[in-house]
């Protein structure tokens, strides 16, 4: 599925899945990430995901982005000729 934004960008899923460690009673059925206010070049990082406090992210790098809004065109910029 391709997500297009009014700012002229698309959602680039850098990390399509995350692994958490938690008690079985706290396993979420889904994790919702709001991307509606993102603009071109904005990112959401692993550390930005809000989950139950008992969930522990199994990653060595919480500062890694999970998604980024990338431009779909050059906009008003002229292409550079080689």
N, C-alpha and C. Protein backbone atom coordinates (compact mmCIF):
# COMPACT_ATOMS: atom_id res chain seq x y z
N UNK A 1 0.84 -1.17 0.00
CA UNK A 1 0.00 0.00 0.00
C UNK A 1 0.89 1.24 0.00
N UNK A 2 0.58 2.20 -0.85
CA UNK A 2 1.36 3.43 -0.98
C UNK A 2 0.59 4.57 -0.35
N UNK A 3 1.19 5.24 0.61
CA UNK A 3 0.55 6.37 1.28
C UNK A 3 1.07 7.66 0.68
N UNK A 4 0.18 8.46 0.09
CA UNK A 4 0.55 9.75 -0.48
C UNK A 4 0.09 10.87 0.44
N UNK A 5 0.87 11.93 0.52
CA UNK A 5 0.58 13.06 1.39
C UNK A 5 0.32 14.31 0.55
N UNK A 6 -0.47 15.23 1.10
CA UNK A 6 -0.79 16.47 0.39
C UNK A 6 0.45 17.33 0.18
N UNK A 7 1.50 17.11 0.96
CA UNK A 7 2.74 17.88 0.82
C UNK A 7 3.54 17.44 -0.40
N UNK A 8 3.07 16.40 -1.10
CA UNK A 8 3.76 15.93 -2.28
C UNK A 8 4.73 14.80 -1.99
N UNK A 9 4.58 14.14 -0.88
CA UNK A 9 5.48 13.05 -0.52
C UNK A 9 4.76 11.73 -0.36
N UNK A 10 5.56 10.69 -0.22
CA UNK A 10 5.03 9.36 0.06
C UNK A 10 5.73 8.80 1.30
N UNK A 11 5.08 7.85 1.94
CA UNK A 11 5.63 7.23 3.14
C UNK A 11 6.61 6.13 2.74
N UNK A 12 7.86 6.29 3.14
CA UNK A 12 8.88 5.27 2.92
C UNK A 12 9.03 4.48 4.21
N UNK A 13 8.59 3.22 4.20
CA UNK A 13 8.71 2.38 5.40
C UNK A 13 10.12 1.80 5.45
N UNK A 14 10.94 2.34 6.32
CA UNK A 14 12.32 1.90 6.47
C UNK A 14 12.38 0.61 7.28
N UNK A 15 11.56 0.54 8.29
CA UNK A 15 11.52 -0.62 9.19
C UNK A 15 10.06 -1.06 9.30
N UNK A 16 9.61 -2.01 8.46
CA UNK A 16 8.19 -2.37 8.43
C UNK A 16 7.71 -3.16 9.65
N UNK A 17 8.62 -3.68 10.46
CA UNK A 17 8.19 -4.41 11.65
C UNK A 17 9.16 -4.13 12.80
N UNK A 18 8.63 -4.22 14.01
CA UNK A 18 9.42 -4.04 15.23
C UNK A 18 9.21 -5.23 16.13
N UNK A 19 10.20 -5.56 16.94
CA UNK A 19 10.08 -6.67 17.88
C UNK A 19 10.11 -6.12 19.31
N UNK A 20 9.14 -6.58 20.09
CA UNK A 20 9.04 -6.19 21.49
C UNK A 20 9.04 -7.43 22.37
N UNK A 21 9.49 -7.26 23.59
CA UNK A 21 9.41 -8.29 24.61
C UNK A 21 8.44 -7.78 25.67
N UNK A 22 7.45 -8.62 26.03
CA UNK A 22 6.47 -8.18 27.02
C UNK A 22 5.73 -9.38 27.59
N UNK A 23 5.04 -9.18 28.71
CA UNK A 23 4.17 -10.24 29.25
C UNK A 23 3.03 -10.51 28.27
N UNK A 24 2.58 -11.73 28.23
CA UNK A 24 1.55 -12.11 27.26
C UNK A 24 0.27 -11.30 27.39
N UNK A 25 -0.06 -10.87 28.59
CA UNK A 25 -1.29 -10.10 28.76
C UNK A 25 -1.20 -8.68 28.21
N UNK A 26 0.00 -8.25 27.82
CA UNK A 26 0.16 -6.90 27.28
C UNK A 26 0.51 -6.89 25.79
N UNK A 27 0.37 -8.02 25.13
CA UNK A 27 0.63 -8.06 23.69
C UNK A 27 -0.45 -7.25 22.98
N UNK A 28 -0.06 -6.18 22.29
CA UNK A 28 -1.08 -5.37 21.61
C UNK A 28 -1.56 -6.04 20.34
N UNK A 29 -2.83 -5.85 20.02
CA UNK A 29 -3.36 -6.39 18.76
C UNK A 29 -2.84 -5.58 17.58
N UNK A 30 -2.52 -4.31 17.84
CA UNK A 30 -1.93 -3.45 16.81
C UNK A 30 -1.26 -2.27 17.49
N UNK A 31 -0.36 -1.65 16.77
CA UNK A 31 0.29 -0.42 17.22
C UNK A 31 -0.01 0.63 16.16
N UNK A 32 -0.63 1.72 16.59
CA UNK A 32 -1.03 2.77 15.66
C UNK A 32 -0.01 3.90 15.72
N UNK A 33 0.44 4.34 14.54
CA UNK A 33 1.38 5.44 14.43
C UNK A 33 0.72 6.53 13.59
N UNK A 34 0.55 7.71 14.16
CA UNK A 34 -0.09 8.83 13.45
C UNK A 34 0.95 9.54 12.58
N UNK A 35 0.76 9.48 11.28
CA UNK A 35 1.68 10.14 10.34
C UNK A 35 1.00 11.32 9.65
N UNK A 36 -0.20 11.69 10.11
CA UNK A 36 -0.99 12.71 9.42
C UNK A 36 -0.37 14.10 9.44
N UNK A 37 0.47 14.40 10.41
CA UNK A 37 1.07 15.74 10.50
C UNK A 37 2.50 15.80 9.99
N UNK A 38 2.95 14.76 9.32
CA UNK A 38 4.33 14.74 8.83
C UNK A 38 4.46 15.51 7.53
N UNK A 39 5.63 16.06 7.30
CA UNK A 39 5.94 16.81 6.08
C UNK A 39 7.15 16.16 5.42
N UNK A 40 7.53 16.64 4.24
CA UNK A 40 8.68 16.10 3.51
C UNK A 40 9.90 16.07 4.42
N UNK A 41 10.61 14.95 4.41
CA UNK A 41 11.83 14.68 5.17
C UNK A 41 11.58 14.42 6.66
N UNK A 42 10.33 14.51 7.14
CA UNK A 42 10.05 14.15 8.53
C UNK A 42 10.19 12.65 8.72
N UNK A 43 10.59 12.26 9.92
CA UNK A 43 10.80 10.85 10.25
C UNK A 43 10.11 10.51 11.56
N UNK A 44 9.80 9.24 11.72
CA UNK A 44 9.36 8.72 13.01
C UNK A 44 10.40 7.68 13.42
N UNK A 45 10.89 7.81 14.64
CA UNK A 45 11.94 6.93 15.14
C UNK A 45 11.35 5.85 16.05
N UNK A 46 12.10 4.79 16.24
CA UNK A 46 11.66 3.70 17.12
C UNK A 46 11.30 4.22 18.50
N UNK A 47 12.08 5.15 19.00
CA UNK A 47 11.84 5.68 20.35
C UNK A 47 10.55 6.50 20.44
N UNK A 48 9.99 6.91 19.29
CA UNK A 48 8.76 7.71 19.27
C UNK A 48 7.49 6.87 19.37
N UNK A 49 7.60 5.56 19.22
CA UNK A 49 6.42 4.70 19.25
C UNK A 49 5.93 4.57 20.69
N UNK A 50 4.66 4.93 20.90
CA UNK A 50 4.07 4.87 22.24
C UNK A 50 3.38 3.52 22.45
N UNK A 51 3.88 2.78 23.43
CA UNK A 51 3.33 1.46 23.75
C UNK A 51 3.20 1.34 25.27
N UNK A 52 2.59 0.26 25.72
CA UNK A 52 2.46 -0.01 27.15
C UNK A 52 3.86 -0.03 27.78
N UNK A 53 4.00 0.51 28.99
CA UNK A 53 5.33 0.56 29.64
C UNK A 53 6.01 -0.80 29.81
N UNK A 54 5.24 -1.88 29.82
CA UNK A 54 5.84 -3.20 30.01
C UNK A 54 6.48 -3.74 28.73
N UNK A 55 6.23 -3.10 27.59
CA UNK A 55 6.83 -3.54 26.33
C UNK A 55 8.25 -3.01 26.22
N UNK A 56 9.17 -3.90 25.92
CA UNK A 56 10.57 -3.51 25.75
C UNK A 56 10.95 -3.73 24.30
N UNK A 57 11.38 -2.66 23.65
CA UNK A 57 11.79 -2.74 22.26
C UNK A 57 13.08 -3.54 22.15
N UNK A 58 13.10 -4.54 21.29
CA UNK A 58 14.29 -5.37 21.09
C UNK A 58 15.08 -4.84 19.90
N UNK A 59 15.79 -3.77 20.15
CA UNK A 59 16.61 -3.16 19.11
C UNK A 59 17.81 -2.49 19.78
N UNK A 60 18.93 -2.54 19.09
CA UNK A 60 20.13 -1.92 19.63
C UNK A 60 20.17 -0.43 19.35
N UNK A 61 19.35 0.03 18.40
CA UNK A 61 19.42 1.42 17.98
C UNK A 61 18.03 2.05 17.95
N UNK A 62 17.60 2.62 19.07
CA UNK A 62 16.28 3.24 19.15
C UNK A 62 16.20 4.54 18.36
N UNK A 63 17.35 5.07 17.94
CA UNK A 63 17.34 6.32 17.17
C UNK A 63 17.23 6.06 15.67
N UNK A 64 17.03 4.80 15.29
CA UNK A 64 16.85 4.47 13.88
C UNK A 64 15.43 4.83 13.45
N UNK A 65 15.28 5.51 12.31
CA UNK A 65 13.92 5.83 11.85
C UNK A 65 13.19 4.58 11.36
N UNK A 66 11.88 4.54 11.60
CA UNK A 66 11.08 3.43 11.07
C UNK A 66 10.38 3.84 9.78
N UNK A 67 10.20 5.16 9.60
CA UNK A 67 9.60 5.64 8.35
C UNK A 67 10.03 7.09 8.12
N UNK A 68 9.87 7.51 6.86
CA UNK A 68 10.26 8.86 6.46
C UNK A 68 9.35 9.29 5.32
N UNK A 69 9.02 10.57 5.26
CA UNK A 69 8.25 11.10 4.14
C UNK A 69 9.25 11.59 3.10
N UNK A 70 9.19 11.00 1.91
CA UNK A 70 10.11 11.36 0.84
C UNK A 70 9.35 12.06 -0.28
N UNK A 71 10.00 13.02 -0.95
CA UNK A 71 9.32 13.74 -2.04
C UNK A 71 9.06 12.83 -3.23
N UNK A 72 7.97 13.10 -3.94
CA UNK A 72 7.65 12.33 -5.14
C UNK A 72 8.08 13.05 -6.40
N UNK A 73 8.41 14.34 -6.27
CA UNK A 73 8.84 15.12 -7.44
C UNK A 73 9.83 16.17 -6.98
N UNK A 74 10.38 16.89 -7.95
CA UNK A 74 11.33 17.95 -7.64
C UNK A 74 10.62 19.24 -7.23
N UNK A 75 9.30 19.29 -7.37
CA UNK A 75 8.56 20.50 -7.03
C UNK A 75 8.95 21.64 -7.95
N UNK A 76 9.34 22.78 -7.39
CA UNK A 76 9.73 23.95 -8.18
C UNK A 76 11.20 23.94 -8.57
N UNK A 77 11.93 22.97 -8.12
CA UNK A 77 13.36 22.91 -8.41
C UNK A 77 13.59 22.39 -9.82
N UNK A 78 14.56 22.96 -10.48
CA UNK A 78 14.94 22.51 -11.82
C UNK A 78 15.92 21.35 -11.69
N UNK A 79 15.82 20.36 -12.57
CA UNK A 79 16.78 19.26 -12.52
C UNK A 79 18.19 19.74 -12.85
N UNK A 80 19.17 19.11 -12.26
CA UNK A 80 20.57 19.45 -12.52
C UNK A 80 21.06 18.60 -13.67
N UNK A 81 21.68 19.26 -14.66
CA UNK A 81 22.19 18.52 -15.81
C UNK A 81 23.63 18.11 -15.56
N UNK A 82 23.97 16.92 -16.01
CA UNK A 82 25.32 16.40 -15.81
C UNK A 82 26.24 16.87 -16.89
